[in-house]
Amino acid sequence: MHKAFLIGVVACCLAAAADAPYAGKWKMNVAKSDFGETTLTYEPTAGGAMKATMDGQSYTFKTDGKDNMTPWGMTAAWKAVDAGTWETTEKTNGKVTSNSTLKVSPDGKTLTIDAKRVKADGGTSTDSMTFQRVSGGPGLSGKWRTRKMNSSSPETMSLTPKGSDGLTISYGNIGAACDARFDGKAYPATGPLWPAGWTCTIARHGANAFDVIWKKDGKDMYRSTLTASPDGKTLTEDSSAAAASEKVKIVYDRQ
């Protein structure tokens, strides 16, 4: 009787985990998402360098085509094409993962970033972000706020329960995953297009949601709450960078 009771409890817990409303495969709905609080800042520094800041994290670069390490673990190399155009190449684990062109409009009010990103399956995604100038100038210098984003291949995310106390978070485009448990511990996030040193920590947040803390080399970088809608058709990720007050809302559709 005691053994049968234990088996019943385990079966119940496993069923509950499998039925978590956020479990399944999801695809970002760019049109319904809101990146409006995200900003980019570029500031001239001594020696002809430029300081780039996003999500409260900064790095410096020169437009000499040399790789510069970023706080996120990838490198960025910059080249100036003309007074209003720049090209950047990002590398992750030594491999090129993105090529972008940045253009400031003739009136200096708009910044457009067009990027071609490498996907884990060998394909590419063409992404575009438009920013409105908040302050500063001329050229790239100043603060820019996100106005619009488009992607030919929006990111997909799979949430797979692992027994009664675990969850695997995996991303399709970058082929990365974090296999974690609801125990407050940090677990490694790994993948061929994901820089080394990242971890995730997960915690339950009611019946339909969970929280995630993303860290790089032990430093808090992002905090998110992912909530499934009552009908189970959408998943909303409300997040913010640990070092900034800016908030982002990403909406995913169930696949």
C-alpha atoms as a PDB file:
ATOM      1  CA  MET A   1       0.000   0.000   0.000  1.00  0.00           C
ATOM      2  CA  HIS A   2       2.806   2.414   0.914  1.00  0.00           C
ATOM      3  CA  LYS A   3       4.644   1.702  -2.354  1.00  0.00           C
ATOM      4  CA  ALA A   4       1.462   2.136  -4.394  1.00  0.00           C
ATOM      5  CA  PHE A   5       0.835   5.480  -2.694  1.00  0.00           C
ATOM      6  CA  LEU A   6       4.330   6.720  -3.590  1.00  0.00           C
ATOM      7  CA  ILE A   7       3.915   5.639  -7.207  1.00  0.00           C
ATOM      8  CA  GLY A   8       0.625   7.514  -7.341  1.00  0.00           C
ATOM      9  CA  VAL A   9       2.185  10.686  -5.964  1.00  0.00           C
ATOM     10  CA  VAL A  10       5.058  10.539  -8.478  1.00  0.00           C
ATOM     11  CA  ALA A  11       2.650   9.957 -11.366  1.00  0.00           C
ATOM     12  CA  CYS A  12       0.532  12.882 -10.231  1.00  0.00           C
ATOM     13  CA  CYS A  13       3.541  15.194 -10.013  1.00  0.00           C
ATOM     14  CA  LEU A  14       4.813  14.173 -13.435  1.00  0.00           C
ATOM     15  CA  ALA A  15       1.403  14.771 -14.981  1.00  0.00           C
ATOM     16  CA  ALA A  16       1.215  18.210 -13.354  1.00  0.00           C
ATOM     17  CA  ALA A  17       4.637  19.125 -14.733  1.00  0.00           C
ATOM     18  CA  ALA A  18       3.744  17.911 -18.224  1.00  0.00           C
ATOM     19  CA  ASP A  19       0.552  19.974 -18.115  1.00  0.00           C
ATOM     20  CA  ALA A  20       2.277  23.230 -17.127  1.00  0.00           C
ATOM     21  CA  PRO A  21       0.428  25.883 -19.197  1.00  0.00           C
ATOM     22  CA  TYR A  22       3.692  27.408 -20.423  1.00  0.00           C
ATOM     23  CA  ALA A  23       5.072  24.082 -21.681  1.00  0.00           C
ATOM     24  CA  GLY A  24       5.480  23.684 -25.447  1.00  0.00           C
ATOM     25  CA  LYS A  25       7.018  25.459 -28.426  1.00  0.00           C
ATOM     26  CA  TRP A  26       6.554  29.192 -28.911  1.00  0.00           C
ATOM     27  CA  LYS A  27       7.399  31.715 -31.639  1.00  0.00           C
ATOM     28  CA  MET A  28       7.968  35.402 -31.094  1.00  0.00           C
ATOM     29  CA  ASN A  29       5.225  37.672 -32.420  1.00  0.00           C
ATOM     30  CA  VAL A  30       7.219  40.788 -33.261  1.00  0.00           C
ATOM     31  CA  ALA A  31       4.136  42.872 -34.084  1.00  0.00           C
ATOM     32  CA  LYS A  32       2.598  42.286 -30.637  1.00  0.00           C
ATOM     33  CA  SER A  33       5.859  42.734 -28.711  1.00  0.00           C
ATOM     34  CA  ASP A  34       6.970  46.042 -27.236  1.00  0.00           C
ATOM     35  CA  PHE A  35      10.632  47.096 -27.220  1.00  0.00           C
ATOM     36  CA  GLY A  36       9.805  50.794 -26.825  1.00  0.00           C
ATOM     37  CA  GLU A  37      11.802  51.407 -23.655  1.00  0.00           C
ATOM     38  CA  THR A  38      15.050  49.970 -25.030  1.00  0.00           C
ATOM     39  CA  THR A  39      17.750  52.533 -25.733  1.00  0.00           C
ATOM     40  CA  LEU A  40      21.202  52.661 -27.281  1.00  0.00           C
ATOM     41  CA  THR A  41      23.793  55.303 -26.391  1.00  0.00           C
ATOM     42  CA  TYR A  42      27.009  56.128 -28.228  1.00  0.00           C
ATOM     43  CA  GLU A  43      29.511  58.508 -26.623  1.00  0.00           C
ATOM     44  CA  PRO A  44      32.883  59.711 -27.980  1.00  0.00           C
ATOM     45  CA  THR A  45      35.790  58.937 -25.635  1.00  0.00           C
ATOM     46  CA  ALA A  46      39.467  59.804 -25.480  1.00  0.00           C
ATOM     47  CA  GLY A  47      41.736  58.651 -28.281  1.00  0.00           C
ATOM     48  CA  GLY A  48      39.048  58.626 -30.956  1.00  0.00           C
ATOM     49  CA  ALA A  49      37.140  55.678 -29.495  1.00  0.00           C
ATOM     50  CA  MET A  50      33.396  55.365 -28.952  1.00  0.00           C
ATOM     51  CA  LYS A  51      31.542  53.976 -25.943  1.00  0.00           C
ATOM     52  CA  ALA A  52      28.422  51.928 -26.695  1.00  0.00           C
ATOM     53  CA  THR A  53      25.834  51.314 -23.954  1.00  0.00           C
ATOM     54  CA  MET A  54      22.791  49.018 -24.039  1.00  0.00           C
ATOM     55  CA  ASP A  55      20.844  47.405 -21.173  1.00  0.00           C
ATOM     56  CA  GLY A  56      23.087  49.217 -18.724  1.00  0.00           C
ATOM     57  CA  GLN A  57      26.211  47.476 -20.109  1.00  0.00           C
ATOM     58  CA  SER A  58      29.002  49.239 -22.011  1.00  0.00           C
ATOM     59  CA  TYR A  59      32.052  48.579 -24.158  1.00  0.00           C
ATOM     60  CA  THR A  60      34.386  50.778 -26.201  1.00  0.00           C
ATOM     61  CA  PHE A  61      35.439  50.442 -29.826  1.00  0.00           C
ATOM     62  CA  LYS A  62      37.227  52.140 -32.667  1.00  0.00           C
ATOM     63  CA  THR A  63      36.164  51.907 -36.298  1.00  0.00           C
ATOM     64  CA  ASP A  64      39.342  50.042 -37.204  1.00  0.00           C
ATOM     65  CA  GLY A  65      37.862  46.595 -37.919  1.00  0.00           C
ATOM     66  CA  LYS A  66      39.377  45.055 -34.772  1.00  0.00           C
ATOM     67  CA  ASP A  67      37.395  42.780 -32.460  1.00  0.00           C
ATOM     68  CA  ASN A  68      36.230  44.316 -29.174  1.00  0.00           C
ATOM     69  CA  MET A  69      34.916  42.159 -26.325  1.00  0.00           C
ATOM     70  CA  THR A  70      31.392  43.037 -25.178  1.00  0.00           C
ATOM     71  CA  PRO A  71      29.775  42.425 -21.756  1.00  0.00           C
ATOM     72  CA  TRP A  72      27.598  39.720 -23.332  1.00  0.00           C
ATOM     73  CA  GLY A  73      30.552  37.545 -24.313  1.00  0.00           C
ATOM     74  CA  MET A  74      30.648  38.089 -28.056  1.00  0.00           C
ATOM     75  CA  THR A  75      33.044  40.424 -29.902  1.00  0.00           C
ATOM     76  CA  ALA A  76      32.123  43.351 -32.133  1.00  0.00           C
ATOM     77  CA  ALA A  77      34.295  44.821 -34.878  1.00  0.00           C
ATOM     78  CA  TRP A  78      33.385  48.220 -36.378  1.00  0.00           C
ATOM     79  CA  LYS A  79      34.218  49.894 -39.688  1.00  0.00           C
ATOM     80  CA  ALA A  80      33.164  53.357 -40.873  1.00  0.00           C
ATOM     81  CA  VAL A  81      31.774  53.425 -44.421  1.00  0.00           C
ATOM     82  CA  ASP A  82      31.007  57.151 -44.553  1.00  0.00           C
ATOM     83  CA  ALA A  83      29.901  59.930 -42.175  1.00  0.00           C
ATOM     84  CA  GLY A  84      26.499  58.307 -41.633  1.00  0.00           C
ATOM     85  CA  THR A  85      27.131  54.587 -42.209  1.00  0.00           C
ATOM     86  CA  TRP A  86      28.955  51.886 -40.222  1.00  0.00           C
ATOM     87  CA  GLU A  87      29.394  48.143 -40.567  1.00  0.00           C
ATOM     88  CA  THR A  88      29.781  45.756 -37.647  1.00  0.00           C
ATOM     89  CA  THR A  89      30.716  42.090 -37.407  1.00  0.00           C
ATOM     90  CA  GLU A  90      29.859  40.070 -34.314  1.00  0.00           C
ATOM     91  CA  LYS A  91      31.613  36.835 -33.394  1.00  0.00           C
ATOM     92  CA  THR A  92      30.589  34.241 -30.841  1.00  0.00           C
ATOM     93  CA  ASN A  93      33.140  31.674 -29.731  1.00  0.00           C
ATOM     94  CA  GLY A  94      35.361  32.947 -32.544  1.00  0.00           C
ATOM     95  CA  LYS A  95      32.784  32.412 -35.301  1.00  0.00           C
ATOM     96  CA  VAL A  96      30.952  35.151 -37.218  1.00  0.00           C
ATOM     97  CA  THR A  97      27.325  35.199 -36.058  1.00  0.00           C
ATOM     98  CA  SER A  98      26.128  38.564 -37.351  1.00  0.00           C
ATOM     99  CA  ASN A  99      26.908  41.237 -39.940  1.00  0.00           C
ATOM    100  CA  SER A 100      25.132  44.571 -39.552  1.00  0.00           C
ATOM    101  CA  THR A 101      24.903  47.951 -41.265  1.00  0.00           C
ATOM    102  CA  LEU A 102      24.035  51.031 -39.212  1.00  0.00           C
ATOM    103  CA  LYS A 103      22.735  54.157 -40.970  1.00  0.00           C
ATOM    104  CA  VAL A 104      21.823  57.565 -39.594  1.00  0.00           C
ATOM    105  CA  SER A 105      19.209  59.377 -41.678  1.00  0.00           C
ATOM    106  CA  PRO A 106      20.229  62.629 -43.458  1.00  0.00           C
ATOM    107  CA  ASP A 107      18.257  64.684 -40.928  1.00  0.00           C
ATOM    108  CA  GLY A 108      20.037  62.883 -38.058  1.00  0.00           C
ATOM    109  CA  LYS A 109      16.791  61.850 -36.349  1.00  0.00           C
ATOM    110  CA  THR A 110      16.677  58.131 -37.166  1.00  0.00           C
ATOM    111  CA  LEU A 111      19.115  55.235 -36.784  1.00  0.00           C
ATOM    112  CA  THR A 112      18.475  52.002 -38.693  1.00  0.00           C
ATOM    113  CA  ILE A 113      20.313  48.748 -38.003  1.00  0.00           C
ATOM    114  CA  ASP A 114      19.976  46.033 -40.647  1.00  0.00           C
ATOM    115  CA  ALA A 115      21.493  42.713 -39.613  1.00  0.00           C
ATOM    116  CA  LYS A 116      21.974  39.267 -41.102  1.00  0.00           C
ATOM    117  CA  ARG A 117      22.301  36.721 -38.319  1.00  0.00           C
ATOM    118  CA  VAL A 118      23.514  33.139 -38.542  1.00  0.00           C
ATOM    119  CA  LYS A 119      21.097  30.510 -37.214  1.00  0.00           C
ATOM    120  CA  ALA A 120      22.027  27.243 -35.555  1.00  0.00           C
ATOM    121  CA  ASP A 121      20.535  25.257 -38.452  1.00  0.00           C
ATOM    122  CA  GLY A 122      22.906  26.941 -40.917  1.00  0.00           C
ATOM    123  CA  GLY A 123      20.342  29.389 -42.281  1.00  0.00           C
ATOM    124  CA  THR A 124      20.193  33.144 -41.722  1.00  0.00           C
ATOM    125  CA  SER A 125      17.734  35.638 -40.323  1.00  0.00           C
ATOM    126  CA  THR A 126      17.402  39.166 -41.677  1.00  0.00           C
ATOM    127  CA  ASP A 127      16.567  41.572 -38.852  1.00  0.00           C
ATOM    128  CA  SER A 128      15.941  45.308 -38.796  1.00  0.00           C
ATOM    129  CA  MET A 129      15.640  47.768 -35.921  1.00  0.00           C
ATOM    130  CA  THR A 130      14.780  51.459 -36.171  1.00  0.00           C
ATOM    131  CA  PHE A 131      15.653  53.944 -33.423  1.00  0.00           C
ATOM    132  CA  GLN A 132      14.533  57.531 -32.865  1.00  0.00           C
ATOM    133  CA  ARG A 133      17.061  60.049 -31.574  1.00  0.00           C
ATOM    134  CA  VAL A 134      16.429  61.137 -27.990  1.00  0.00           C
ATOM    135  CA  SER A 135      19.425  63.426 -27.580  1.00  0.00           C
ATOM    136  CA  GLY A 136      22.937  64.160 -28.787  1.00  0.00           C
ATOM    137  CA  GLY A 137      24.502  64.251 -32.185  1.00  0.00           C
ATOM    138  CA  PRO A 138      25.853  64.721 -34.711  1.00  0.00           C
ATOM    139  CA  GLY A 139      26.149  61.365 -36.449  1.00  0.00           C
ATOM    140  CA  LEU A 140      26.029  58.248 -34.310  1.00  0.00           C
ATOM    141  CA  SER A 141      26.726  60.082 -31.044  1.00  0.00           C
ATOM    142  CA  GLY A 142      23.788  60.389 -28.693  1.00  0.00           C
ATOM    143  CA  LYS A 143      20.925  58.431 -27.189  1.00  0.00           C
ATOM    144  CA  TRP A 144      18.520  56.419 -29.354  1.00  0.00           C
ATOM    145  CA  ARG A 145      15.181  54.803 -28.430  1.00  0.00           C
ATOM    146  CA  THR A 146      13.730  51.738 -30.152  1.00  0.00           C
ATOM    147  CA  ARG A 147      10.835  52.532 -32.459  1.00  0.00           C
ATOM    148  CA  LYS A 148      10.362  49.446 -34.645  1.00  0.00           C
ATOM    149  CA  MET A 149      11.692  45.915 -35.103  1.00  0.00           C
ATOM    150  CA  ASN A 150      11.269  43.351 -37.887  1.00  0.00           C
ATOM    151  CA  SER A 151      12.652  39.843 -38.402  1.00  0.00           C
ATOM    152  CA  SER A 152      12.440  37.374 -41.275  1.00  0.00           C
ATOM    153  CA  SER A 153      12.833  34.519 -38.788  1.00  0.00           C
ATOM    154  CA  PRO A 154      11.556  35.434 -35.302  1.00  0.00           C
ATOM    155  CA  GLU A 155      13.103  33.484 -32.436  1.00  0.00           C
ATOM    156  CA  THR A 156      11.436  30.283 -31.270  1.00  0.00           C
ATOM    157  CA  MET A 157      11.504  29.000 -27.709  1.00  0.00           C
ATOM    158  CA  SER A 158      10.694  25.567 -26.311  1.00  0.00           C
ATOM    159  CA  LEU A 159       9.799  25.031 -22.656  1.00  0.00           C
ATOM    160  CA  THR A 160      10.065  21.366 -21.689  1.00  0.00           C
ATOM    161  CA  PRO A 161       9.230  20.205 -18.145  1.00  0.00           C
ATOM    162  CA  LYS A 162      11.753  17.788 -16.616  1.00  0.00           C
ATOM    163  CA  GLY A 163       9.903  15.720 -14.050  1.00  0.00           C
ATOM    164  CA  SER A 164       8.137  17.634 -11.303  1.00  0.00           C
ATOM    165  CA  ASP A 165      10.877  20.153 -10.484  1.00  0.00           C
ATOM    166  CA  GLY A 166      12.779  20.967 -13.653  1.00  0.00           C
ATOM    167  CA  LEU A 167      12.448  22.853 -16.941  1.00  0.00           C
ATOM    168  CA  THR A 168      14.553  23.065 -20.088  1.00  0.00           C
ATOM    169  CA  ILE A 169      14.515  26.436 -21.843  1.00  0.00           C
ATOM    170  CA  SER A 170      15.776  26.176 -25.404  1.00  0.00           C
ATOM    171  CA  TYR A 171      16.013  28.641 -28.291  1.00  0.00           C
ATOM    172  CA  GLY A 172      15.786  27.570 -31.926  1.00  0.00           C
ATOM    173  CA  ASN A 173      17.673  30.242 -33.852  1.00  0.00           C
ATOM    174  CA  ILE A 174      20.725  30.221 -31.609  1.00  0.00           C
ATOM    175  CA  GLY A 175      20.524  26.519 -30.783  1.00  0.00           C
ATOM    176  CA  ALA A 176      21.035  27.094 -27.063  1.00  0.00           C
ATOM    177  CA  ALA A 177      19.451  25.610 -23.968  1.00  0.00           C
ATOM    178  CA  CYS A 178      19.448  25.878 -20.186  1.00  0.00           C
ATOM    179  CA  ASP A 179      18.423  22.725 -18.300  1.00  0.00           C
ATOM    180  CA  ALA A 180      17.417  23.965 -14.836  1.00  0.00           C
ATOM    181  CA  ARG A 181      15.507  23.034 -11.704  1.00  0.00           C
ATOM    182  CA  PHE A 182      13.202  25.084  -9.491  1.00  0.00           C
ATOM    183  CA  ASP A 183      15.706  25.085  -6.646  1.00  0.00           C
ATOM    184  CA  GLY A 184      17.220  28.578  -6.799  1.00  0.00           C
ATOM    185  CA  LYS A 185      20.508  27.343  -8.232  1.00  0.00           C
ATOM    186  CA  ALA A 186      22.248  28.631 -11.373  1.00  0.00           C
ATOM    187  CA  TYR A 187      22.512  26.175 -14.280  1.00  0.00           C
ATOM    188  CA  PRO A 188      24.705  26.599 -17.380  1.00  0.00           C
ATOM    189  CA  ALA A 189      23.229  27.860 -20.641  1.00  0.00           C
ATOM    190  CA  THR A 190      25.072  26.302 -23.570  1.00  0.00           C
ATOM    191  CA  GLY A 191      24.971  26.201 -27.348  1.00  0.00           C
ATOM    192  CA  PRO A 192      27.192  26.753 -30.406  1.00  0.00           C
ATOM    193  CA  LEU A 193      25.967  30.337 -30.871  1.00  0.00           C
ATOM    194  CA  TRP A 194      25.782  31.208 -27.170  1.00  0.00           C
ATOM    195  CA  PRO A 195      28.832  32.730 -25.433  1.00  0.00           C
ATOM    196  CA  ALA A 196      30.383  30.844 -22.538  1.00  0.00           C
ATOM    197  CA  GLY A 197      29.692  31.844 -18.939  1.00  0.00           C
ATOM    198  CA  TRP A 198      25.915  32.271 -19.052  1.00  0.00           C
ATOM    199  CA  THR A 199      23.581  30.635 -16.524  1.00  0.00           C
ATOM    200  CA  CYS A 200      19.871  30.628 -15.749  1.00  0.00           C
ATOM    201  CA  THR A 201      18.014  30.362 -12.445  1.00  0.00           C
ATOM    202  CA  ILE A 202      14.291  29.590 -12.463  1.00  0.00           C
ATOM    203  CA  ALA A 203      11.527  29.977  -9.862  1.00  0.00           C
ATOM    204  CA  ARG A 204       7.808  29.277  -9.924  1.00  0.00           C
ATOM    205  CA  HIS A 205       5.525  32.310 -10.179  1.00  0.00           C
ATOM    206  CA  GLY A 206       1.978  31.112  -9.621  1.00  0.00           C
ATOM    207  CA  ALA A 207       0.269  28.397 -11.668  1.00  0.00           C
ATOM    208  CA  ASN A 208       0.759  29.920 -15.124  1.00  0.00           C
ATOM    209  CA  ALA A 209       4.164  31.570 -14.893  1.00  0.00           C
ATOM    210  CA  PHE A 210       7.806  31.292 -13.874  1.00  0.00           C
ATOM    211  CA  ASP A 211      10.708  33.669 -13.315  1.00  0.00           C
ATOM    212  CA  VAL A 212      14.160  33.495 -14.891  1.00  0.00           C
ATOM    213  CA  ILE A 213      17.382  35.219 -13.895  1.00  0.00           C
ATOM    214  CA  TRP A 214      20.098  35.224 -16.556  1.00  0.00           C
ATOM    215  CA  LYS A 215      23.689  35.768 -15.421  1.00  0.00           C
ATOM    216  CA  LYS A 216      27.007  36.169 -17.233  1.00  0.00           C
ATOM    217  CA  ASP A 217      30.057  35.055 -15.252  1.00  0.00           C
ATOM    218  CA  GLY A 218      27.992  35.270 -12.062  1.00  0.00           C
ATOM    219  CA  LYS A 219      26.720  38.808 -12.750  1.00  0.00           C
ATOM    220  CA  ASP A 220      22.983  39.488 -13.012  1.00  0.00           C
ATOM    221  CA  MET A 221      22.147  40.538 -16.574  1.00  0.00           C
ATOM    222  CA  TYR A 222      18.405  40.036 -17.162  1.00  0.00           C
ATOM    223  CA  ARG A 223      15.304  39.131 -15.146  1.00  0.00           C
ATOM    224  CA  SER A 224      12.138  37.855 -16.791  1.00  0.00           C
ATOM    225  CA  THR A 225       8.675  36.584 -15.920  1.00  0.00           C
ATOM    226  CA  LEU A 226       7.040  34.343 -18.524  1.00  0.00           C
ATOM    227  CA  THR A 227       3.262  33.993 -18.237  1.00  0.00           C
ATOM    228  CA  ALA A 228       0.910  31.790 -20.241  1.00  0.00           C
ATOM    229  CA  SER A 229      -2.462  33.270 -21.175  1.00  0.00           C
ATOM    230  CA  PRO A 230      -5.626  31.674 -19.714  1.00  0.00           C
ATOM    231  CA  ASP A 231      -6.431  30.087 -23.093  1.00  0.00           C
ATOM    232  CA  GLY A 232      -2.863  28.763 -23.469  1.00  0.00           C
ATOM    233  CA  LYS A 233      -2.402  30.347 -26.886  1.00  0.00           C
ATOM    234  CA  THR A 234       0.132  33.022 -26.022  1.00  0.00           C
ATOM    235  CA  LEU A 235       3.103  33.465 -23.715  1.00  0.00           C
ATOM    236  CA  THR A 236       4.193  36.905 -22.518  1.00  0.00           C
ATOM    237  CA  GLU A 237       7.726  37.591 -21.330  1.00  0.00           C
ATOM    238  CA  ASP A 238       8.072  40.734 -19.216  1.00  0.00           C
ATOM    239  CA  SER A 239      11.753  41.460 -18.720  1.00  0.00           C
ATOM    240  CA  SER A 240      14.273  44.089 -17.804  1.00  0.00           C
ATOM    241  CA  ALA A 241      18.030  44.357 -17.686  1.00  0.00           C
ATOM    242  CA  ALA A 242      19.480  44.140 -14.178  1.00  0.00           C
ATOM    243  CA  ALA A 243      21.513  47.311 -14.729  1.00  0.00           C
ATOM    244  CA  ALA A 244      18.744  49.401 -16.338  1.00  0.00           C
ATOM    245  CA  SER A 245      15.141  50.368 -15.595  1.00  0.00           C
ATOM    246  CA  GLU A 246      13.997  49.823 -19.190  1.00  0.00           C
ATOM    247  CA  LYS A 247      11.270  47.216 -19.638  1.00  0.00           C
ATOM    248  CA  VAL A 248      10.565  44.927 -22.596  1.00  0.00           C
ATOM    249  CA  LYS A 249       7.485  42.852 -23.366  1.00  0.00           C
ATOM    250  CA  ILE A 250       7.872  39.931 -25.773  1.00  0.00           C
ATOM    251  CA  VAL A 251       4.776  38.047 -26.905  1.00  0.00           C
ATOM    252  CA  TYR A 252       5.028  34.483 -28.224  1.00  0.00           C
ATOM    253  CA  ASP A 253       2.407  32.449 -30.099  1.00  0.00           C
ATOM    254  CA  ARG A 254       2.008  28.748 -29.432  1.00  0.00           C
ATOM    255  CA  GLN A 255       3.249  26.545 -32.281  1.00  0.00           C
END
